[in-house]
Amino acid sequence: MLWTTAAYAMGAGQQAGAEGGAAALTSFVPLILMFAIFYFLLIRPQQKRAKEHKAMLDALGKGEHVLTAGGLYGRIVDIDVDTVTLDLGETKVKIGRGFITGVVDPSKKAAPKKSDAKDSK
């Protein structure tokens, strides 16, 4: 009696083994979907931003107004291979070229926030 139970269990395992190839494929589908989601939501936009930043750094020239990663606004005075000299007004600073986050237009100034006179009374 014990032998028939074991034989029945072994037979069920062989049938499941025949369908094992399809089961293995379906177990990889969630992993493939997660990789696709990560690629389109994280990896691809990051690569696009890095490419745009590199193009912006390659196009820098003397006299342009830039914003640094530290929040400093300055005008480019000199450019070397890896360093940029910025004029901050009274001070000149050398920074790494990669620390420039963007080119700004000095004629466009942020409009001051208007406070409502009604609310302050």
PDB file of N, CA and C in Angstrom:
ATOM      1  N   MET A   1       0.818  -1.179   0.000  1.00  0.00           N
ATOM      2  CA  MET A   1       0.000   0.000   0.000  1.00  0.00           C
ATOM      3  C   MET A   1       0.879   1.267   0.000  1.00  0.00           C
ATOM      4  N   LEU A   2       1.919   1.186   0.762  1.00  0.00           N
ATOM      5  CA  LEU A   2       2.828   2.313   0.816  1.00  0.00           C
ATOM      6  C   LEU A   2       3.547   2.483  -0.529  1.00  0.00           C
ATOM      7  N   TRP A   3       3.819   1.351  -1.174  1.00  0.00           N
ATOM      8  CA  TRP A   3       4.514   1.406  -2.447  1.00  0.00           C
ATOM      9  C   TRP A   3       3.662   2.059  -3.528  1.00  0.00           C
ATOM     10  N   THR A   4       2.386   1.857  -3.558  1.00  0.00           N
ATOM     11  CA  THR A   4       1.514   2.448  -4.566  1.00  0.00           C
ATOM     12  C   THR A   4       1.398   3.947  -4.380  1.00  0.00           C
ATOM     13  N   THR A   5       1.406   4.397  -3.152  1.00  0.00           N
ATOM     14  CA  THR A   5       1.343   5.836  -2.886  1.00  0.00           C
ATOM     15  C   THR A   5       2.612   6.522  -3.405  1.00  0.00           C
ATOM     16  N   ALA A   6       3.752   5.903  -3.156  1.00  0.00           N
ATOM     17  CA  ALA A   6       5.014   6.469  -3.634  1.00  0.00           C
ATOM     18  C   ALA A   6       5.070   6.454  -5.158  1.00  0.00           C
ATOM     19  N   ALA A   7       4.577   5.386  -5.769  1.00  0.00           N
ATOM     20  CA  ALA A   7       4.580   5.305  -7.228  1.00  0.00           C
ATOM     21  C   ALA A   7       3.651   6.358  -7.829  1.00  0.00           C
ATOM     22  N   TYR A   8       2.526   6.595  -7.196  1.00  0.00           N
ATOM     23  CA  TYR A   8       1.600   7.612  -7.679  1.00  0.00           C
ATOM     24  C   TYR A   8       2.230   9.002  -7.593  1.00  0.00           C
ATOM     25  N   ALA A   9       2.922   9.263  -6.509  1.00  0.00           N
ATOM     26  CA  ALA A   9       3.575  10.562  -6.334  1.00  0.00           C
ATOM     27  C   ALA A   9       4.690  10.743  -7.359  1.00  0.00           C
ATOM     28  N   MET A  10       5.419   9.682  -7.667  1.00  0.00           N
ATOM     29  CA  MET A  10       6.486   9.776  -8.655  1.00  0.00           C
ATOM     30  C   MET A  10       5.925  10.003 -10.048  1.00  0.00           C
ATOM     31  N   GLY A  11       4.787   9.421 -10.348  1.00  0.00           N
ATOM     32  CA  GLY A  11       4.169   9.627 -11.650  1.00  0.00           C
ATOM     33  C   GLY A  11       3.693  11.057 -11.817  1.00  0.00           C
ATOM     34  N   ALA A  12       3.177  11.659 -10.778  1.00  0.00           N
ATOM     35  CA  ALA A  12       2.723  13.049 -10.847  1.00  0.00           C
ATOM     36  C   ALA A  12       3.904  13.988 -11.066  1.00  0.00           C
ATOM     37  N   GLY A  13       5.038  13.638 -10.496  1.00  0.00           N
ATOM     38  CA  GLY A  13       6.229  14.453 -10.687  1.00  0.00           C
ATOM     39  C   GLY A  13       6.720  14.410 -12.120  1.00  0.00           C
ATOM     40  N   GLN A  14       6.588  13.286 -12.776  1.00  0.00           N
ATOM     41  CA  GLN A  14       7.024  13.183 -14.165  1.00  0.00           C
ATOM     42  C   GLN A  14       6.121  13.987 -15.077  1.00  0.00           C
ATOM     43  N   GLN A  15       4.842  14.022 -14.804  1.00  0.00           N
ATOM     44  CA  GLN A  15       3.931  14.820 -15.625  1.00  0.00           C
ATOM     45  C   GLN A  15       4.214  16.308 -15.445  1.00  0.00           C
ATOM     46  N   ALA A  16       4.488  16.713 -14.221  1.00  0.00           N
ATOM     47  CA  ALA A  16       4.815  18.113 -13.979  1.00  0.00           C
ATOM     48  C   ALA A  16       6.152  18.472 -14.604  1.00  0.00           C
ATOM     49  N   GLY A  17       7.060  17.511 -14.656  1.00  0.00           N
ATOM     50  CA  GLY A  17       8.362  17.759 -15.267  1.00  0.00           C
ATOM     51  C   GLY A  17       8.249  17.990 -16.761  1.00  0.00           C
ATOM     52  N   ALA A  18       7.272  17.360 -17.401  1.00  0.00           N
ATOM     53  CA  ALA A  18       7.081  17.570 -18.832  1.00  0.00           C
ATOM     54  C   ALA A  18       6.626  18.989 -19.120  1.00  0.00           C
ATOM     55  N   GLU A  19       5.886  19.588 -18.201  1.00  0.00           N
ATOM     56  CA  GLU A  19       5.410  20.968 -18.358  1.00  0.00           C
ATOM     57  C   GLU A  19       6.356  21.959 -17.671  1.00  0.00           C
ATOM     58  N   GLY A  20       7.490  21.507 -17.213  1.00  0.00           N
ATOM     59  CA  GLY A  20       8.433  22.347 -16.474  1.00  0.00           C
ATOM     60  C   GLY A  20       9.034  23.459 -17.304  1.00  0.00           C
ATOM     61  N   GLY A  21       9.189  23.234 -18.608  1.00  0.00           N
ATOM     62  CA  GLY A  21       9.742  24.272 -19.470  1.00  0.00           C
ATOM     63  C   GLY A  21       8.835  25.486 -19.525  1.00  0.00           C
ATOM     64  N   ALA A  22       7.548  25.276 -19.631  1.00  0.00           N
ATOM     65  CA  ALA A  22       6.595  26.386 -19.643  1.00  0.00           C
ATOM     66  C   ALA A  22       6.522  27.057 -18.277  1.00  0.00           C
ATOM     67  N   ALA A  23       6.630  26.268 -17.216  1.00  0.00           N
ATOM     68  CA  ALA A  23       6.587  26.835 -15.867  1.00  0.00           C
ATOM     69  C   ALA A  23       7.822  27.694 -15.606  1.00  0.00           C
ATOM     70  N   ALA A  24       8.963  27.245 -16.114  1.00  0.00           N
ATOM     71  CA  ALA A  24      10.185  28.022 -15.927  1.00  0.00           C
ATOM     72  C   ALA A  24      10.097  29.351 -16.670  1.00  0.00           C
ATOM     73  N   LEU A  25       9.507  29.314 -17.855  1.00  0.00           N
ATOM     74  CA  LEU A  25       9.361  30.542 -18.628  1.00  0.00           C
ATOM     75  C   LEU A  25       8.410  31.516 -17.943  1.00  0.00           C
ATOM     76  N   THR A  26       7.317  31.013 -17.415  1.00  0.00           N
ATOM     77  CA  THR A  26       6.358  31.907 -16.745  1.00  0.00           C
ATOM     78  C   THR A  26       6.924  32.449 -15.445  1.00  0.00           C
ATOM     79  N   SER A  27       7.891  31.764 -14.830  1.00  0.00           N
ATOM     80  CA  SER A  27       8.480  32.300 -13.604  1.00  0.00           C
ATOM     81  C   SER A  27       9.438  33.451 -13.911  1.00  0.00           C
ATOM     82  N   PHE A  28       9.951  33.527 -15.148  1.00  0.00           N
ATOM     83  CA  PHE A  28      10.844  34.623 -15.527  1.00  0.00           C
ATOM     84  C   PHE A  28      10.101  35.845 -16.062  1.00  0.00           C
ATOM     85  N   VAL A  29       8.826  35.710 -16.377  1.00  0.00           N
ATOM     86  CA  VAL A  29       8.054  36.826 -16.925  1.00  0.00           C
ATOM     87  C   VAL A  29       8.006  38.012 -15.962  1.00  0.00           C
ATOM     88  N   PRO A  30       7.730  37.832 -14.655  1.00  0.00           N
ATOM     89  CA  PRO A  30       7.743  39.002 -13.753  1.00  0.00           C
ATOM     90  C   PRO A  30       9.111  39.672 -13.669  1.00  0.00           C
ATOM     91  N   LEU A  31      10.169  38.870 -13.714  1.00  0.00           N
ATOM     92  CA  LEU A  31      11.518  39.435 -13.667  1.00  0.00           C
ATOM     93  C   LEU A  31      11.802  40.270 -14.909  1.00  0.00           C
ATOM     94  N   ILE A  32      11.383  39.779 -16.058  1.00  0.00           N
ATOM     95  CA  ILE A  32      11.568  40.510 -17.311  1.00  0.00           C
ATOM     96  C   ILE A  32      10.745  41.791 -17.307  1.00  0.00           C
ATOM     97  N   LEU A  33       9.524  41.724 -16.809  1.00  0.00           N
ATOM     98  CA  LEU A  33       8.679  42.923 -16.722  1.00  0.00           C
ATOM     99  C   LEU A  33       9.279  43.961 -15.779  1.00  0.00           C
ATOM    100  N   MET A  34       9.822  43.517 -14.648  1.00  0.00           N
ATOM    101  CA  MET A  34      10.441  44.467 -13.710  1.00  0.00           C
ATOM    102  C   MET A  34      11.636  45.146 -14.351  1.00  0.00           C
ATOM    103  N   PHE A  35      12.459  44.395 -15.083  1.00  0.00           N
ATOM    104  CA  PHE A  35      13.612  44.994 -15.754  1.00  0.00           C
ATOM    105  C   PHE A  35      13.165  46.014 -16.796  1.00  0.00           C
ATOM    106  N   ALA A  36      12.115  45.699 -17.543  1.00  0.00           N
ATOM    107  CA  ALA A  36      11.606  46.633 -18.553  1.00  0.00           C
ATOM    108  C   ALA A  36      11.099  47.915 -17.895  1.00  0.00           C
ATOM    109  N   ILE A  37      10.399  47.784 -16.781  1.00  0.00           N
ATOM    110  CA  ILE A  37       9.894  48.961 -16.066  1.00  0.00           C
ATOM    111  C   ILE A  37      11.048  49.805 -15.553  1.00  0.00           C
ATOM    112  N   PHE A  38      12.055  49.169 -14.939  1.00  0.00           N
ATOM    113  CA  PHE A  38      13.214  49.908 -14.452  1.00  0.00           C
ATOM    114  C   PHE A  38      13.942  50.603 -15.596  1.00  0.00           C
ATOM    115  N   TYR A  39      14.050  49.941 -16.731  1.00  0.00           N
ATOM    116  CA  TYR A  39      14.748  50.536 -17.857  1.00  0.00           C
ATOM    117  C   TYR A  39      14.030  51.791 -18.340  1.00  0.00           C
ATOM    118  N   PHE A  40      12.724  51.708 -18.544  1.00  0.00           N
ATOM    119  CA  PHE A  40      11.996  52.848 -19.107  1.00  0.00           C
ATOM    120  C   PHE A  40      11.727  53.944 -18.092  1.00  0.00           C
ATOM    121  N   LEU A  41      11.684  53.640 -16.808  1.00  0.00           N
ATOM    122  CA  LEU A  41      11.401  54.672 -15.815  1.00  0.00           C
ATOM    123  C   LEU A  41      12.645  55.235 -15.138  1.00  0.00           C
ATOM    124  N   LEU A  42      13.736  54.479 -15.092  1.00  0.00           N
ATOM    125  CA  LEU A  42      14.920  54.948 -14.383  1.00  0.00           C
ATOM    126  C   LEU A  42      16.163  55.067 -15.260  1.00  0.00           C
ATOM    127  N   ILE A  43      16.526  54.005 -15.928  1.00  0.00           N
ATOM    128  CA  ILE A  43      17.811  53.968 -16.638  1.00  0.00           C
ATOM    129  C   ILE A  43      17.800  54.869 -17.862  1.00  0.00           C
ATOM    130  N   ARG A  44      16.791  54.754 -18.697  1.00  0.00           N
ATOM    131  CA  ARG A  44      16.749  55.525 -19.944  1.00  0.00           C
ATOM    132  C   ARG A  44      16.676  57.038 -19.704  1.00  0.00           C
ATOM    133  N   PRO A  45      15.806  57.541 -18.800  1.00  0.00           N
ATOM    134  CA  PRO A  45      15.811  58.991 -18.556  1.00  0.00           C
ATOM    135  C   PRO A  45      17.125  59.496 -17.972  1.00  0.00           C
ATOM    136  N   GLN A  46      17.774  58.691 -17.127  1.00  0.00           N
ATOM    137  CA  GLN A  46      19.050  59.107 -16.553  1.00  0.00           C
ATOM    138  C   GLN A  46      20.122  59.203 -17.636  1.00  0.00           C
ATOM    139  N   GLN A  47      20.145  58.261 -18.569  1.00  0.00           N
ATOM    140  CA  GLN A  47      21.103  58.320 -19.668  1.00  0.00           C
ATOM    141  C   GLN A  47      20.837  59.529 -20.556  1.00  0.00           C
ATOM    142  N   LYS A  48      19.570  59.846 -20.777  1.00  0.00           N
ATOM    143  CA  LYS A  48      19.207  60.999 -21.604  1.00  0.00           C
ATOM    144  C   LYS A  48      19.681  62.297 -20.940  1.00  0.00           C
ATOM    145  N   ARG A  49      19.446  62.425 -19.612  1.00  0.00           N
ATOM    146  CA  ARG A  49      19.888  63.612 -18.887  1.00  0.00           C
ATOM    147  C   ARG A  49      21.403  63.742 -18.908  1.00  0.00           C
ATOM    148  N   ALA A  50      22.114  62.631 -18.752  1.00  0.00           N
ATOM    149  CA  ALA A  50      23.579  62.670 -18.767  1.00  0.00           C
ATOM    150  C   ALA A  50      24.093  63.095 -20.138  1.00  0.00           C
ATOM    151  N   LYS A  51      23.454  62.637 -21.198  1.00  0.00           N
ATOM    152  CA  LYS A  51      23.863  63.018 -22.548  1.00  0.00           C
ATOM    153  C   LYS A  51      23.619  64.509 -22.785  1.00  0.00           C
ATOM    154  N   GLU A  52      22.478  65.023 -22.317  1.00  0.00           N
ATOM    155  CA  GLU A  52      22.186  66.457 -22.465  1.00  0.00           C
ATOM    156  C   GLU A  52      23.164  67.301 -21.659  1.00  0.00           C
ATOM    157  N   HIS A  53      23.531  66.851 -20.452  1.00  0.00           N
ATOM    158  CA  HIS A  53      24.459  67.590 -19.609  1.00  0.00           C
ATOM    159  C   HIS A  53      25.841  67.630 -20.252  1.00  0.00           C
ATOM    160  N   LYS A  54      26.279  66.507 -20.828  1.00  0.00           N
ATOM    161  CA  LYS A  54      27.574  66.471 -21.501  1.00  0.00           C
ATOM    162  C   LYS A  54      27.588  67.391 -22.709  1.00  0.00           C
ATOM    163  N   ALA A  55      26.494  67.424 -23.468  1.00  0.00           N
ATOM    164  CA  ALA A  55      26.412  68.317 -24.625  1.00  0.00           C
ATOM    165  C   ALA A  55      26.458  69.781 -24.186  1.00  0.00           C
ATOM    166  N   MET A  56      25.792  70.098 -23.070  1.00  0.00           N
ATOM    167  CA  MET A  56      25.801  71.458 -22.548  1.00  0.00           C
ATOM    168  C   MET A  56      27.205  71.843 -22.099  1.00  0.00           C
ATOM    169  N   LEU A  57      27.921  70.936 -21.451  1.00  0.00           N
ATOM    170  CA  LEU A  57      29.283  71.228 -20.997  1.00  0.00           C
ATOM    171  C   LEU A  57      30.231  71.406 -22.174  1.00  0.00           C
ATOM    172  N   ASP A  58      30.043  70.638 -23.228  1.00  0.00           N
ATOM    173  CA  ASP A  58      30.900  70.769 -24.406  1.00  0.00           C
ATOM    174  C   ASP A  58      30.662  72.081 -25.141  1.00  0.00           C
ATOM    175  N   ALA A  59      29.456  72.636 -25.020  1.00  0.00           N
ATOM    176  CA  ALA A  59      29.114  73.860 -25.740  1.00  0.00           C
ATOM    177  C   ALA A  59      29.415  75.137 -24.946  1.00  0.00           C
ATOM    178  N   LEU A  60      29.979  74.998 -23.742  1.00  0.00           N
ATOM    179  CA  LEU A  60      30.267  76.186 -22.931  1.00  0.00           C
ATOM    180  C   LEU A  60      31.328  77.049 -23.586  1.00  0.00           C
ATOM    181  N   GLY A  61      31.186  78.362 -23.393  1.00  0.00           N
ATOM    182  CA  GLY A  61      32.165  79.302 -23.915  1.00  0.00           C
ATOM    183  C   GLY A  61      32.396  80.437 -22.944  1.00  0.00           C
ATOM    184  N   LYS A  62      33.429  81.220 -23.214  1.00  0.00           N
ATOM    185  CA  LYS A  62      33.733  82.365 -22.357  1.00  0.00           C
ATOM    186  C   LYS A  62      32.607  83.384 -22.430  1.00  0.00           C
ATOM    187  N   GLY A  63      32.340  83.994 -21.282  1.00  0.00           N
ATOM    188  CA  GLY A  63      31.336  85.046 -21.222  1.00  0.00           C
ATOM    189  C   GLY A  63      29.928  84.545 -20.911  1.00  0.00           C
ATOM    190  N   GLU A  64      29.709  83.239 -20.888  1.00  0.00           N
ATOM    191  CA  GLU A  64      28.379  82.726 -20.584  1.00  0.00           C
ATOM    192  C   GLU A  64      28.127  82.757 -19.084  1.00  0.00           C
ATOM    193  N   HIS A  65      26.908  82.982 -18.725  1.00  0.00           N
ATOM    194  CA  HIS A  65      26.504  82.983 -17.322  1.00  0.00           C
ATOM    195  C   HIS A  65      25.980  81.597 -16.988  1.00  0.00           C
ATOM    196  N   VAL A  66      26.486  81.035 -15.884  1.00  0.00           N
ATOM    197  CA  VAL A  66      26.145  79.663 -15.531  1.00  0.00           C
ATOM    198  C   VAL A  66      25.732  79.566 -14.065  1.00  0.00           C
ATOM    199  N   LEU A  67      25.114  78.450 -13.756  1.00  0.00           N
ATOM    200  CA  LEU A  67      24.743  78.105 -12.392  1.00  0.00           C
ATOM    201  C   LEU A  67      25.523  76.861 -12.008  1.00  0.00           C
ATOM    202  N   THR A  68      26.144  76.879 -10.825  1.00  0.00           N
ATOM    203  CA  THR A  68      26.917  75.724 -10.374  1.00  0.00           C
ATOM    204  C   THR A  68      26.052  74.834  -9.488  1.00  0.00           C
ATOM    205  N   ALA A  69      26.564  73.633  -9.218  1.00  0.00           N
ATOM    206  CA  ALA A  69      25.846  72.690  -8.359  1.00  0.00           C
ATOM    207  C   ALA A  69      25.736  73.217  -6.933  1.00  0.00           C
ATOM    208  N   GLY A  70      26.626  74.106  -6.539  1.00  0.00           N
ATOM    209  CA  GLY A  70      26.583  74.693  -5.200  1.00  0.00           C
ATOM    210  C   GLY A  70      25.645  75.877  -5.099  1.00  0.00           C
ATOM    211  N   GLY A  71      25.025  76.268  -6.212  1.00  0.00           N
ATOM    212  CA  GLY A  71      24.073  77.370  -6.186  1.00  0.00           C
ATOM    213  C   GLY A  71      24.684  78.722  -6.488  1.00  0.00           C
ATOM    214  N   LEU A  72      25.895  78.754  -7.001  1.00  0.00           N
ATOM    215  CA  LEU A  72      26.551  80.017  -7.321  1.00  0.00           C
ATOM    216  C   LEU A  72      26.286  80.387  -8.777  1.00  0.00           C
ATOM    217  N   TYR A  73      25.946  81.646  -8.992  1.00  0.00           N
ATOM    218  CA  TYR A  73      25.789  82.176 -10.345  1.00  0.00           C
ATOM    219  C   TYR A  73      27.055  82.931 -10.695  1.00  0.00           C
ATOM    220  N   GLY A  74      27.575  82.706 -11.887  1.00  0.00           N
ATOM    221  CA  GLY A  74      28.791  83.396 -12.286  1.00  0.00           C
ATOM    222  C   GLY A  74      28.936  83.436 -13.789  1.00  0.00           C
ATOM    223  N   ARG A  75      29.919  84.225 -14.228  1.00  0.00           N
ATOM    224  CA  ARG A  75      30.224  84.366 -15.650  1.00  0.00           C
ATOM    225  C   ARG A  75      31.548  83.671 -15.914  1.00  0.00           C
ATOM    226  N   ILE A  76      31.606  82.893 -16.984  1.00  0.00           N
ATOM    227  CA  ILE A  76      32.819  82.145 -17.315  1.00  0.00           C
ATOM    228  C   ILE A  76      33.884  83.110 -17.827  1.00  0.00           C
ATOM    229  N   VAL A  77      35.065  83.062 -17.186  1.00  0.00           N
ATOM    230  CA  VAL A  77      36.195  83.900 -17.574  1.00  0.00           C
ATOM    231  C   VAL A  77      37.210  83.082 -18.360  1.00  0.00           C
ATOM    232  N   ASP A  78      37.440  81.841 -17.927  1.00  0.00           N
ATOM    233  CA  ASP A  78      38.442  80.994 -18.574  1.00  0.00           C
ATOM    234  C   ASP A  78      37.981  79.542 -18.504  1.00  0.00           C
ATOM    235  N   ILE A  79      38.265  78.792 -19.559  1.00  0.00           N
ATOM    236  CA  ILE A  79      37.896  77.379 -19.600  1.00  0.00           C
ATOM    237  C   ILE A  79      39.132  76.555 -19.921  1.00  0.00           C
ATOM    238  N   ASP A  80      39.416  75.572 -19.073  1.00  0.00           N
ATOM    239  CA  ASP A  80      40.454  74.584 -19.345  1.00  0.00           C
ATOM    240  C   ASP A  80      39.752  73.267 -19.659  1.00  0.00           C
ATOM    241  N   VAL A  81      40.518  72.210 -19.734  1.00  0.00           N
ATOM    242  CA  VAL A  81      39.951  70.907 -20.065  1.00  0.00           C
ATOM    243  C   VAL A  81      38.974  70.442 -18.980  1.00  0.00           C
ATOM    244  N   ASP A  82      39.405  70.504 -17.724  1.00  0.00           N
ATOM    245  CA  ASP A  82      38.571  70.011 -16.623  1.00  0.00           C
ATOM    246  C   ASP A  82      38.110  71.093 -15.664  1.00  0.00           C
ATOM    247  N   THR A  83      38.633  72.321 -15.784  1.00  0.00           N
ATOM    248  CA  THR A  83      38.270  73.381 -14.840  1.00  0.00           C
ATOM    249  C   THR A  83      37.717  74.588 -15.581  1.00  0.00           C
ATOM    250  N   VAL A  84      36.914  75.328 -14.850  1.00  0.00           N
ATOM    251  CA  VAL A  84      36.313  76.559 -15.363  1.00  0.00           C
ATOM    252  C   VAL A  84      36.557  77.639 -14.322  1.00  0.00           C
ATOM    253  N   THR A  85      36.980  78.817 -14.760  1.00  0.00           N
ATOM    254  CA  THR A  85      37.145  79.950 -13.857  1.00  0.00           C
ATOM    255  C   THR A  85      35.927  80.839 -14.000  1.00  0.00           C
ATOM    256  N   LEU A  86      35.250  81.052 -12.873  1.00  0.00           N
ATOM    257  CA  LEU A  86      34.034  81.872 -12.850  1.00  0.00           C
ATOM    258  C   LEU A  86      34.302  83.199 -12.174  1.00  0.00           C
ATOM    259  N   ASP A  87      33.712  84.250 -12.698  1.00  0.00           N
ATOM    260  CA  ASP A  87      33.722  85.563 -12.068  1.00  0.00           C
ATOM    261  C   ASP A  87      32.406  85.697 -11.318  1.00  0.00           C
ATOM    262  N   LEU A  88      32.490  85.781  -9.990  1.00  0.00           N
ATOM    263  CA  LEU A  88      31.292  85.881  -9.156  1.00  0.00           C
ATOM    264  C   LEU A  88      30.978  87.314  -8.761  1.00  0.00           C
ATOM    265  N   GLY A  89      31.617  88.251  -9.370  1.00  0.00           N
ATOM    266  CA  GLY A  89      31.428  89.655  -9.021  1.00  0.00           C
ATOM    267  C   GLY A  89      32.750  90.220  -8.573  1.00  0.00           C
ATOM    268  N   GLU A  90      33.037  90.078  -7.293  1.00  0.00           N
ATOM    269  CA  GLU A  90      34.303  90.545  -6.749  1.00  0.00           C
ATOM    270  C   GLU A  90      35.328  89.419  -6.650  1.00  0.00           C
ATOM    271  N   THR A  91      34.906  88.207  -6.876  1.00  0.00           N
ATOM    272  CA  THR A  91      35.763  87.046  -6.666  1.00  0.00           C
ATOM    273  C   THR A  91      35.810  86.181  -7.918  1.00  0.00           C
ATOM    274  N   LYS A  92      36.961  85.588  -8.162  1.00  0.00           N
ATOM    275  CA  LYS A  92      37.085  84.596  -9.230  1.00  0.00           C
ATOM    276  C   LYS A  92      37.328  83.247  -8.584  1.00  0.00           C
ATOM    277  N   VAL A  93      36.614  82.250  -9.068  1.00  0.00           N
ATOM    278  CA  VAL A  93      36.668  80.919  -8.474  1.00  0.00           C
ATOM    279  C   VAL A  93      36.914  79.892  -9.570  1.00  0.00           C
ATOM    280  N   LYS A  94      37.781  78.918  -9.279  1.00  0.00           N
ATOM    281  CA  LYS A  94      37.988  77.796 -10.195  1.00  0.00           C
ATOM    282  C   LYS A  94      37.149  76.631  -9.688  1.00  0.00           C
ATOM    283  N   ILE A  95      36.360  76.037 -10.591  1.00  0.00           N
ATOM    284  CA  ILE A  95      35.557  74.874 -10.221  1.00  0.00           C
ATOM    285  C   ILE A  95      35.744  73.797 -11.289  1.00  0.00           C
ATOM    286  N   GLY A  96      35.367  72.604 -10.944  1.00  0.00           N
ATOM    287  CA  GLY A  96      35.396  71.520 -11.913  1.00  0.00           C
ATOM    288  C   GLY A  96      34.304  71.721 -12.947  1.00  0.00           C
ATOM    289  N   ARG A  97      34.595  71.364 -14.170  1.00  0.00           N
ATOM    290  CA  ARG A  97      33.648  71.576 -15.266  1.00  0.00           C
ATOM    291  C   ARG A  97      32.339  70.825 -15.040  1.00  0.00           C
ATOM    292  N   GLY A  98      32.391  69.671 -14.415  1.00  0.00           N
ATOM    293  CA  GLY A  98      31.205  68.864 -14.178  1.00  0.00           C
ATOM    294  C   GLY A  98      30.254  69.446 -13.153  1.00  0.00           C
ATOM    295  N   PHE A  99      30.700  70.440 -12.395  1.00  0.00           N
ATOM    296  CA  PHE A  99      29.848  71.043 -11.377  1.00  0.00           C
ATOM    297  C   PHE A  99      28.954  72.151 -11.915  1.00  0.00           C
ATOM    298  N   ILE A 100      29.040  72.428 -13.192  1.00  0.00           N
ATOM    299  CA  ILE A 100      28.143  73.406 -13.807  1.00  0.00           C
ATOM    300  C   ILE A 100      26.852  72.681 -14.162  1.00  0.00           C
ATOM    301  N   THR A 101      25.748  73.181 -13.617  1.00  0.00           N
ATOM    302  CA  THR A 101      24.470  72.494 -13.825  1.00  0.00           C
ATOM    303  C   THR A 101      23.651  73.091 -14.950  1.00  0.00           C
ATOM    304  N   GLY A 102      23.906  74.336 -15.305  1.00  0.00           N
ATOM    305  CA  GLY A 102      23.127  74.915 -16.382  1.00  0.00           C
ATOM    306  C   GLY A 102      23.604  76.288 -16.787  1.00  0.00           C
ATOM    307  N   VAL A 103      23.181  76.680 -17.963  1.00  0.00           N
ATOM    308  CA  VAL A 103      23.466  78.014 -18.488  1.00  0.00           C
ATOM    309  C   VAL A 103      22.231  78.861 -18.215  1.00  0.00           C
ATOM    310  N   VAL A 104      22.442  80.073 -17.682  1.00  0.00           N
ATOM    311  CA  VAL A 104      21.324  80.958 -17.352  1.00  0.00           C
ATOM    312  C   VAL A 104      21.415  82.235 -18.175  1.00  0.00           C
ATOM    313  N   ASP A 105      20.284  82.867 -18.364  1.00  0.00           N
ATOM    314  CA  ASP A 105      20.226  84.137 -19.080  1.00  0.00           C
ATOM    315  C   ASP A 105      20.153  85.245 -18.032  1.00  0.00           C
ATOM    316  N   PRO A 106      21.182  86.117 -17.946  1.00  0.00           N
ATOM    317  CA  PRO A 106      21.193  87.140 -16.898  1.00  0.00           C
ATOM    318  C   PRO A 106      20.113  88.203 -17.088  1.00  0.00           C
ATOM    319  N   SER A 107      19.590  88.358 -18.301  1.00  0.00           N
ATOM    320  CA  SER A 107      18.559  89.369 -18.516  1.00  0.00           C
ATOM    321  C   SER A 107      17.211  88.922 -17.966  1.00  0.00           C
ATOM    322  N   LYS A 108      17.029  87.623 -17.833  1.00  0.00           N
ATOM    323  CA  LYS A 108      15.784  87.116 -17.259  1.00  0.00           C
ATOM    324  C   LYS A 108      15.976  86.953 -15.762  1.00  0.00           C
ATOM    325  N   LYS A 109      15.368  87.806 -15.026  1.00  0.00           N
ATOM    326  CA  LYS A 109      15.462  87.718 -13.570  1.00  0.00           C
ATOM    327  C   LYS A 109      14.146  87.199 -13.041  1.00  0.00           C
ATOM    328  N   ALA A 110      14.232  86.478 -11.972  1.00  0.00           N
ATOM    329  CA  ALA A 110      13.014  85.927 -11.368  1.00  0.00           C
ATOM    330  C   ALA A 110      12.167  87.078 -10.842  1.00  0.00           C
ATOM    331  N   ALA A 111      10.909  87.031 -11.188  1.00  0.00           N
ATOM    332  CA  ALA A 111      10.003  88.082 -10.738  1.00  0.00           C
ATOM    333  C   ALA A 111       9.771  87.928  -9.239  1.00  0.00           C
ATOM    334  N   PRO A 112       9.869  89.037  -8.501  1.00  0.00           N
ATOM    335  CA  PRO A 112       9.633  88.935  -7.064  1.00  0.00           C
ATOM    336  C   PRO A 112       8.181  88.556  -6.801  1.00  0.00           C
ATOM    337  N   LYS A 113       7.976  87.800  -5.752  1.00  0.00           N
ATOM    338  CA  LYS A 113       6.630  87.387  -5.400  1.00  0.00           C
ATOM    339  C   LYS A 113       5.859  88.596  -4.894  1.00  0.00           C
ATOM    340  N   LYS A 114       4.666  88.734  -5.424  1.00  0.00           N
ATOM    341  CA  LYS A 114       3.822  89.845  -5.002  1.00  0.00           C
ATOM    342  C   LYS A 114       2.994  89.407  -3.816  1.00  0.00           C
ATOM    343  N   SER A 115       3.064  90.192  -2.768  1.00  0.00           N
ATOM    344  CA  SER A 115       2.259  89.853  -1.587  1.00  0.00           C
ATOM    345  C   SER A 115       0.942  90.610  -1.691  1.00  0.00           C
ATOM    346  N   ASP A 116      -0.113  89.931  -1.361  1.00  0.00           N
ATOM    347  CA  ASP A 116      -1.427  90.556  -1.404  1.00  0.00           C
ATOM    348  C   ASP A 116      -1.549  91.545  -0.252  1.00  0.00           C
ATOM    349  N   ALA A 117      -1.902  92.749  -0.584  1.00  0.00           N
ATOM    350  CA  ALA A 117      -2.092  93.761   0.445  1.00  0.00           C
ATOM    351  C   ALA A 117      -3.322  93.440   1.267  1.00  0.00           C
ATOM    352  N   LYS A 118      -4.278  92.761   0.668  1.00  0.00           N
ATOM    353  CA  LYS A 118      -5.507  92.397   1.387  1.00  0.00           C
ATOM    354  C   LYS A 118      -5.225  91.380   2.471  1.00  0.00           C
ATOM    355  N   ASP A 119      -4.341  90.425   2.182  1.00  0.00           N
ATOM    356  CA  ASP A 119      -4.056  89.371   3.141  1.00  0.00           C
ATOM    357  C   ASP A 119      -3.227  89.874   4.314  1.00  0.00           C
ATOM    358  N   SER A 120      -2.380  90.878   4.092  1.00  0.00           N
ATOM    359  CA  SER A 120      -1.505  91.340   5.153  1.00  0.00           C
ATOM    360  C   SER A 120      -2.190  92.317   6.100  1.00  0.00           C
ATOM    361  N   LYS A 121      -3.361  92.816   5.740  1.00  0.00           N
ATOM    362  CA  LYS A 121      -4.064  93.762   6.634  1.00  0.00           C
ATOM    363  C   LYS A 121      -4.864  93.081   7.696  1.00  0.00           C
TER     364      LYS A 121
END
